[in-house]
Amino acid sequence: MPRKRFLKLDAARQRAILDAARSEFAQNGFEGASYNQIIEGAGLSKGAMYYYFEDKLDLYVTVLEEVTAQALEHLGVDDVWTLEEDFWTAFTDMVRGAWKYALANPEMAALVKGMQAFPPKMRKEGRLADVWGTWEALMVRMLREGQRKGEVRQDLSLELLAAIGIAIDEAVDFWLIDNMAELAENPVEEVVGMIIDLWKRVLKP
């Protein structure tokens, strides 16, 4: 996690560092991102950055933690699954909200794609595991709610369904982000309908 010296910086200074990191990681992914470019963009010396973060991965995960919190707050996932409407209506609302949010925040979308590009083993290590676990928990919660309402198949274990769901989610996210410029010209409901149709073919009883 960020070193104490970073947490003691004023909000504007913290924001400058995180914004420089977000931009570089979104544009080039973790592996391709230049730590020196981030340092220069934040207006720091290389030595100073190591007072604030242990290494590039530490900074990257800090950015992902912020992006994840912002996305979940915007999507209102806690509210979605407490509503007593039918599962597929709630799920469609969430997919619609996520697609609109991605269109309005392409940098965030690129960061999520970058996280998904990490090998599965690395996603299970350290703080990155905590971030990834947040998204996995959301998938499990969603599927459990669908099963409770009888709108998601129960012939497969929840663990297996979650693994399948995460794989679908990754594939869809990669495709959407890679084709975002073209898809942005299509009506939102057309894209959302396509995604929901795919999910229904896999999850419905």
Foldseek 3Di string as FASTA:
>chain_A
DWAVVLVPDDPVLNVQLLVLLLVQCLVQFLVGGDPVSSCVSSVHDPVVVCNTAVDSVRSLLVSLVVLLVVLCVQLVLVVLLVDPDALLVSVLSSLLSNLVVCLVPVSSLSSVLSLVPDPPVVCCDDSSVVSVVVVLVSLLSSLVSCVVNLFFDDPDDSVVVSVVVVVLVNVLSVVCSVCVVVCVPPDSVVSSVVSSVVVSVHTGD
